Structures are given as C-alpha cells and as structure tokens.
Amino acid sequence: MGGIPIFSVVAYSGTGKTTLLEKLIPLLKERGLRVAVVKHDAHRFQVDREGKDSWRLTRAGADVTAITSQERAVVMENRPLPLETFLDRIRDVDVILTEGYKHGDWPKILLHRRATGKPLPLAPEECIAVLTDEKLETCTPCYPLDDVETVAELICSRLPLFGQAGEGETKRC
C-alpha cells in the first residue's frame, strides 16, 4: 500500500470504537500529525441527499461522483471498492486510522467491554494492544478502556518517521 502507517481499532458495535477515535484524533493532531480515518459501515449508508444535483448524477449512472468546494472535497465511488484500493488513494497524511476493519496486515487495537456480552472479535495476540474493562489472560499489553493517551503514544512509537519533521511542520510525537 501507499506507505502511510495504518492502525485499526477493532471491536463489536457499541463497544466504543468511535468514542476512542474521537478522543484519539485530537491527541495525534496535538503532536503535529495529519490523520485520516476510514470507518467501516455494515449497513448501506447514503452520503448524498435525494434531489441534490450530485444525487441526480449518481442516479443517472455515474460510477464516480465528486463534489468540491473551497473547504471540502468528496469523491463517491458508486461501486464496490476493496479497502486496500481505497487506502492506496489516501494521500498527504501521516497516519490512517480505521474503525472496524479486523482483517488486514496492519496493527490492530482491540476494544472489549464486558457489558456488551460479546466475545472478543479477535485473539488479543493478533493485536498490538487491548483496551478492556476486565482482566484477560494474554501476553498482549492491556489498558483501561479510557486510556487514550497510551494509545496515542503507542501509535507514535510505531511511526516510521517518529520525531522527524516534514516540510514546514513540527511533529512532536
């Protein structure tokens, strides 16, 4: 893939993946990192709204529909796209965080909350860390569910350009 480090936060729905990422992103940004996030959605999501021009163009059969403005750009692939292909298209960031992708050859951070009543979605040994509210028998490092600072440090410690600044930037990992 494109050489950008990828870390995946893995857990069952309702465990706190989005909450963790919501707290983690600002910590990584404070360290001078540019962050991309790719969220897995098991449902058929709709980015566009019915009646908008882009919706009409997609409905007319466009395979790719893009919307751009001074502040934002969105490219909608109106066809299935393998995750690896999508990840290769991400540019100009220091790290990619994925939410919910348990398959792939990148480091995974496992969340487990006892109250969900669900088993672990992966063996802890397949992950670089586990955030949990119960004691697990594993050699993988385990931390409390709310220990976001440790997750930020763990990610920074695994970045290939750890502590090196890019053009005009000061990365403070």
C-alpha atoms as a PDB file:
ATOM      1  CA  MET A   1       0.000   0.000   0.000  1.00  0.00           C
ATOM      2  CA  GLY A   2       0.924   3.671  -0.126  1.00  0.00           C
ATOM      3  CA  GLY A   3       3.419   3.595   2.764  1.00  0.00           C
ATOM      4  CA  ILE A   4       1.211   5.508   5.206  1.00  0.00           C
ATOM      5  CA  PRO A   5       1.039   3.656   8.536  1.00  0.00           C
ATOM      6  CA  ILE A   6      -2.392   2.148   9.229  1.00  0.00           C
ATOM      7  CA  PHE A   7      -3.844   1.239  12.624  1.00  0.00           C
ATOM      8  CA  SER A   8      -7.230  -0.385  13.012  1.00  0.00           C
ATOM      9  CA  VAL A   9      -9.495  -0.062  16.054  1.00  0.00           C
ATOM     10  CA  VAL A  10     -11.456  -3.308  16.274  1.00  0.00           C
ATOM     11  CA  ALA A  11     -14.489  -4.158  18.418  1.00  0.00           C
ATOM     12  CA  TYR A  12     -18.125  -5.078  18.247  1.00  0.00           C
ATOM     13  CA  SER A  13     -20.721  -2.357  17.776  1.00  0.00           C
ATOM     14  CA  GLY A  14     -21.448  -0.484  20.987  1.00  0.00           C
ATOM     15  CA  THR A  15     -18.008  -1.076  22.498  1.00  0.00           C
ATOM     16  CA  GLY A  16     -16.682   2.455  21.990  1.00  0.00           C
ATOM     17  CA  LYS A  17     -14.626   2.500  18.759  1.00  0.00           C
ATOM     18  CA  THR A  18     -15.943   5.880  17.612  1.00  0.00           C
ATOM     19  CA  THR A  19     -15.605   7.360  21.101  1.00  0.00           C
ATOM     20  CA  LEU A  20     -11.992   6.211  21.297  1.00  0.00           C
ATOM     21  CA  LEU A  21     -11.185   7.663  17.873  1.00  0.00           C
ATOM     22  CA  GLU A  22     -12.989  10.899  18.721  1.00  0.00           C
ATOM     23  CA  LYS A  23     -10.617  11.329  21.685  1.00  0.00           C
ATOM     24  CA  LEU A  24      -7.540   9.937  19.919  1.00  0.00           C
ATOM     25  CA  ILE A  25      -7.599  12.177  16.838  1.00  0.00           C
ATOM     26  CA  PRO A  26      -7.084  15.455  18.775  1.00  0.00           C
ATOM     27  CA  LEU A  27      -4.173  13.882  20.710  1.00  0.00           C
ATOM     28  CA  LEU A  28      -2.469  12.890  17.459  1.00  0.00           C
ATOM     29  CA  LYS A  29      -3.203  16.319  15.935  1.00  0.00           C
ATOM     30  CA  GLU A  30      -1.615  17.987  19.013  1.00  0.00           C
ATOM     31  CA  ARG A  31       1.523  16.003  18.182  1.00  0.00           C
ATOM     32  CA  GLY A  32       1.554  17.534  14.696  1.00  0.00           C
ATOM     33  CA  LEU A  33       0.226  14.518  12.816  1.00  0.00           C
ATOM     34  CA  ARG A  34      -2.143  14.647   9.865  1.00  0.00           C
ATOM     35  CA  VAL A  35      -4.802  11.960  10.387  1.00  0.00           C
ATOM     36  CA  ALA A  36      -7.157  10.114   8.038  1.00  0.00           C
ATOM     37  CA  VAL A  37      -9.980   7.888   9.266  1.00  0.00           C
ATOM     38  CA  VAL A  38     -11.774   5.149   7.362  1.00  0.00           C
ATOM     39  CA  LYS A  39     -14.931   3.860   9.039  1.00  0.00           C
ATOM     40  CA  HIS A  40     -16.464   0.515   8.186  1.00  0.00           C
ATOM     41  CA  ASP A  41     -20.242   0.560   7.884  1.00  0.00           C
ATOM     42  CA  ALA A  42     -22.036  -2.772   7.677  1.00  0.00           C
ATOM     43  CA  HIS A  43     -25.179  -1.004   6.506  1.00  0.00           C
ATOM     44  CA  ARG A  44     -25.968   0.707   3.236  1.00  0.00           C
ATOM     45  CA  PHE A  45     -25.081   4.295   4.048  1.00  0.00           C
ATOM     46  CA  GLN A  46     -26.077   7.297   1.966  1.00  0.00           C
ATOM     47  CA  VAL A  47     -23.752  10.307   1.800  1.00  0.00           C
ATOM     48  CA  ASP A  48     -25.792  12.234  -0.711  1.00  0.00           C
ATOM     49  CA  ARG A  49     -29.327  13.577  -0.284  1.00  0.00           C
ATOM     50  CA  GLU A  50     -32.193  12.859  -2.598  1.00  0.00           C
ATOM     51  CA  GLY A  51     -32.872  15.675  -5.043  1.00  0.00           C
ATOM     52  CA  LYS A  52     -29.381  17.252  -4.843  1.00  0.00           C
ATOM     53  CA  ASP A  53     -27.504  17.600  -8.147  1.00  0.00           C
ATOM     54  CA  SER A  54     -24.847  15.059  -7.160  1.00  0.00           C
ATOM     55  CA  TRP A  55     -27.555  12.564  -6.157  1.00  0.00           C
ATOM     56  CA  ARG A  56     -29.225  13.058  -9.528  1.00  0.00           C
ATOM     57  CA  LEU A  57     -25.935  12.490 -11.375  1.00  0.00           C
ATOM     58  CA  THR A  58     -25.221   9.323  -9.403  1.00  0.00           C
ATOM     59  CA  ARG A  59     -28.755   8.102 -10.000  1.00  0.00           C
ATOM     60  CA  ALA A  60     -28.213   8.761 -13.739  1.00  0.00           C
ATOM     61  CA  GLY A  61     -25.416   6.179 -13.640  1.00  0.00           C
ATOM     62  CA  ALA A  62     -22.133   7.935 -12.821  1.00  0.00           C
ATOM     63  CA  ASP A  63     -19.581   5.451 -11.487  1.00  0.00           C
ATOM     64  CA  VAL A  64     -17.783   8.207  -9.583  1.00  0.00           C
ATOM     65  CA  THR A  65     -19.372  11.451  -8.405  1.00  0.00           C
ATOM     66  CA  ALA A  66     -17.271  14.226  -6.873  1.00  0.00           C
ATOM     67  CA  ILE A  67     -18.368  17.364  -5.061  1.00  0.00           C
ATOM     68  CA  THR A  68     -15.838  20.091  -4.341  1.00  0.00           C
ATOM     69  CA  SER A  69     -15.877  23.498  -2.699  1.00  0.00           C
ATOM     70  CA  GLN A  70     -13.370  25.927  -1.195  1.00  0.00           C
ATOM     71  CA  GLU A  71     -13.467  23.993   2.085  1.00  0.00           C
ATOM     72  CA  ARG A  72     -14.110  20.335   1.271  1.00  0.00           C
ATOM     73  CA  ALA A  73     -13.991  17.668  -1.416  1.00  0.00           C
ATOM     74  CA  VAL A  74     -15.909  14.403  -1.504  1.00  0.00           C
ATOM     75  CA  VAL A  75     -15.454  11.629  -4.024  1.00  0.00           C
ATOM     76  CA  MET A  76     -18.182   8.997  -4.027  1.00  0.00           C
ATOM     77  CA  GLU A  77     -17.343   5.665  -5.601  1.00  0.00           C
ATOM     78  CA  ASN A  78     -20.692   4.361  -6.707  1.00  0.00           C
ATOM     79  CA  ARG A  79     -19.442   0.785  -6.890  1.00  0.00           C
ATOM     80  CA  PRO A  80     -17.823  -1.710  -4.523  1.00  0.00           C
ATOM     81  CA  LEU A  81     -14.210  -0.870  -3.787  1.00  0.00           C
ATOM     82  CA  PRO A  82     -11.726  -3.126  -1.953  1.00  0.00           C
ATOM     83  CA  LEU A  83     -10.418  -1.478   1.202  1.00  0.00           C
ATOM     84  CA  GLU A  84      -6.793  -1.798   0.072  1.00  0.00           C
ATOM     85  CA  THR A  85      -7.566   0.088  -3.157  1.00  0.00           C
ATOM     86  CA  PHE A  86      -9.278   2.839  -1.175  1.00  0.00           C
ATOM     87  CA  LEU A  87      -6.415   3.089   1.332  1.00  0.00           C
ATOM     88  CA  ASP A  88      -3.911   3.450  -1.530  1.00  0.00           C
ATOM     89  CA  ARG A  89      -5.778   6.567  -2.668  1.00  0.00           C
ATOM     90  CA  ILE A  90      -5.324   8.423   0.617  1.00  0.00           C
ATOM     91  CA  ARG A  91      -2.523  10.989   0.421  1.00  0.00           C
ATOM     92  CA  ASP A  92      -0.913  13.772   2.450  1.00  0.00           C
ATOM     93  CA  VAL A  93      -1.490  12.296   5.908  1.00  0.00           C
ATOM     94  CA  ASP A  94       0.904  10.802   8.453  1.00  0.00           C
ATOM     95  CA  VAL A  95      -1.337   8.038   9.739  1.00  0.00           C
ATOM     96  CA  ILE A  96      -4.555   6.269   8.742  1.00  0.00           C
ATOM     97  CA  LEU A  97      -6.884   5.028  11.454  1.00  0.00           C
ATOM     98  CA  THR A  98      -9.557   2.531  10.519  1.00  0.00           C
ATOM     99  CA  GLU A  99     -12.605   1.722  12.536  1.00  0.00           C
ATOM    100  CA  GLY A 100     -13.957  -1.787  12.429  1.00  0.00           C
ATOM    101  CA  TYR A 101     -11.611  -3.492   9.961  1.00  0.00           C
ATOM    102  CA  LYS A 102     -10.317  -6.620  11.669  1.00  0.00           C
ATOM    103  CA  HIS A 103      -8.750  -8.126   8.547  1.00  0.00           C
ATOM    104  CA  GLY A 104      -5.602  -6.713   7.009  1.00  0.00           C
ATOM    105  CA  ASP A 105      -1.878  -6.724   7.595  1.00  0.00           C
ATOM    106  CA  TRP A 106      -1.733  -3.642   9.791  1.00  0.00           C
ATOM    107  CA  PRO A 107      -1.575  -3.260  13.577  1.00  0.00           C
ATOM    108  CA  LYS A 108      -4.862  -3.607  15.436  1.00  0.00           C
ATOM    109  CA  ILE A 109      -6.043  -2.152  18.722  1.00  0.00           C
ATOM    110  CA  LEU A 110      -8.771  -4.277  20.259  1.00  0.00           C
ATOM    111  CA  LEU A 111     -11.546  -2.861  22.437  1.00  0.00           C
ATOM    112  CA  HIS A 112     -13.520  -5.169  24.696  1.00  0.00           C
ATOM    113  CA  ARG A 113     -16.304  -4.083  27.022  1.00  0.00           C
ATOM    114  CA  ARG A 114     -17.750  -6.704  29.372  1.00  0.00           C
ATOM    115  CA  ALA A 115     -21.229  -5.097  29.293  1.00  0.00           C
ATOM    116  CA  THR A 116     -21.667  -5.908  25.574  1.00  0.00           C
ATOM    117  CA  GLY A 117     -21.847  -9.596  26.490  1.00  0.00           C
ATOM    118  CA  LYS A 118     -19.945 -10.444  23.313  1.00  0.00           C
ATOM    119  CA  PRO A 119     -16.764 -12.461  22.961  1.00  0.00           C
ATOM    120  CA  LEU A 120     -13.524 -10.970  21.686  1.00  0.00           C
ATOM    121  CA  PRO A 121     -13.718 -10.359  17.903  1.00  0.00           C
ATOM    122  CA  LEU A 122     -10.011 -11.255  17.564  1.00  0.00           C
ATOM    123  CA  ALA A 123      -7.471 -13.068  19.687  1.00  0.00           C
ATOM    124  CA  PRO A 124      -5.551 -10.492  21.746  1.00  0.00           C
ATOM    125  CA  GLU A 125      -2.304 -11.936  20.374  1.00  0.00           C
ATOM    126  CA  GLU A 126      -3.300 -10.658  16.905  1.00  0.00           C
ATOM    127  CA  CYS A 127      -3.309  -7.095  18.271  1.00  0.00           C
ATOM    128  CA  ILE A 128      -0.710  -4.617  19.496  1.00  0.00           C
ATOM    129  CA  ALA A 129      -2.878  -3.619  22.458  1.00  0.00           C
ATOM    130  CA  VAL A 130      -6.196  -4.357  24.139  1.00  0.00           C
ATOM    131  CA  LEU A 131      -8.351  -1.767  25.860  1.00  0.00           C
ATOM    132  CA  THR A 132     -10.751  -3.503  28.208  1.00  0.00           C
ATOM    133  CA  ASP A 133     -12.642  -3.272  31.469  1.00  0.00           C
ATOM    134  CA  GLU A 134     -11.822  -6.814  32.557  1.00  0.00           C
ATOM    135  CA  LYS A 135      -8.751  -8.958  33.229  1.00  0.00           C
ATOM    136  CA  LEU A 136      -7.629 -11.002  30.225  1.00  0.00           C
ATOM    137  CA  GLU A 137      -5.071 -13.789  30.154  1.00  0.00           C
ATOM    138  CA  THR A 138      -2.795 -12.634  27.352  1.00  0.00           C
ATOM    139  CA  CYS A 139       0.750 -11.504  26.688  1.00  0.00           C
ATOM    140  CA  THR A 140      -0.619  -8.552  24.673  1.00  0.00           C
ATOM    141  CA  PRO A 141      -0.472  -5.279  26.645  1.00  0.00           C
ATOM    142  CA  CYS A 142      -3.880  -4.427  28.170  1.00  0.00           C
ATOM    143  CA  TYR A 143      -5.033  -0.970  29.225  1.00  0.00           C
ATOM    144  CA  PRO A 144      -8.221   0.569  30.617  1.00  0.00           C
ATOM    145  CA  LEU A 145     -10.875   1.446  28.018  1.00  0.00           C
ATOM    146  CA  ASP A 146     -10.359   5.180  28.572  1.00  0.00           C
ATOM    147  CA  ASP A 147      -6.540   5.175  28.324  1.00  0.00           C
ATOM    148  CA  VAL A 148      -6.445   7.115  25.065  1.00  0.00           C
ATOM    149  CA  GLU A 149      -3.111   8.795  25.868  1.00  0.00           C
ATOM    150  CA  THR A 150      -1.384   5.401  25.908  1.00  0.00           C
ATOM    151  CA  VAL A 151      -2.925   4.560  22.524  1.00  0.00           C
ATOM    152  CA  ALA A 152      -1.602   7.845  21.101  1.00  0.00           C
ATOM    153  CA  GLU A 153       1.882   7.074  22.451  1.00  0.00           C
ATOM    154  CA  LEU A 154       1.719   3.527  21.099  1.00  0.00           C
ATOM    155  CA  ILE A 155       0.824   4.777  17.618  1.00  0.00           C
ATOM    156  CA  CYS A 156       3.543   7.437  17.679  1.00  0.00           C
ATOM    157  CA  SER A 157       6.126   4.880  18.796  1.00  0.00           C
ATOM    158  CA  ARG A 158       5.362   2.806  15.704  1.00  0.00           C
ATOM    159  CA  LEU A 159       5.521   5.573  13.108  1.00  0.00           C
ATOM    160  CA  PRO A 160       8.494   5.146  10.761  1.00  0.00           C
ATOM    161  CA  LEU A 161       9.421   8.863  10.841  1.00  0.00           C
ATOM    162  CA  PHE A 162       8.942   9.126  14.591  1.00  0.00           C
ATOM    163  CA  GLY A 163      10.034  12.556  15.751  1.00  0.00           C
ATOM    164  CA  GLN A 164      11.106  13.770  12.295  1.00  0.00           C
ATOM    165  CA  ALA A 165       9.540  16.908  10.896  1.00  0.00           C
ATOM    166  CA  GLY A 166       8.119  17.169   7.393  1.00  0.00           C
ATOM    167  CA  GLU A 167       8.266  20.299   5.269  1.00  0.00           C
ATOM    168  CA  GLY A 168       7.293  23.261   7.432  1.00  0.00           C
ATOM    169  CA  GLU A 169       5.919  21.001  10.176  1.00  0.00           C
ATOM    170  CA  THR A 170       6.963  20.074  13.646  1.00  0.00           C
ATOM    171  CA  LYS A 171       5.904  16.587  14.580  1.00  0.00           C
ATOM    172  CA  ARG A 172       6.017  16.198  18.315  1.00  0.00           C
ATOM    173  CA  CYS A 173       5.310  12.529  18.773  1.00  0.00           C
END
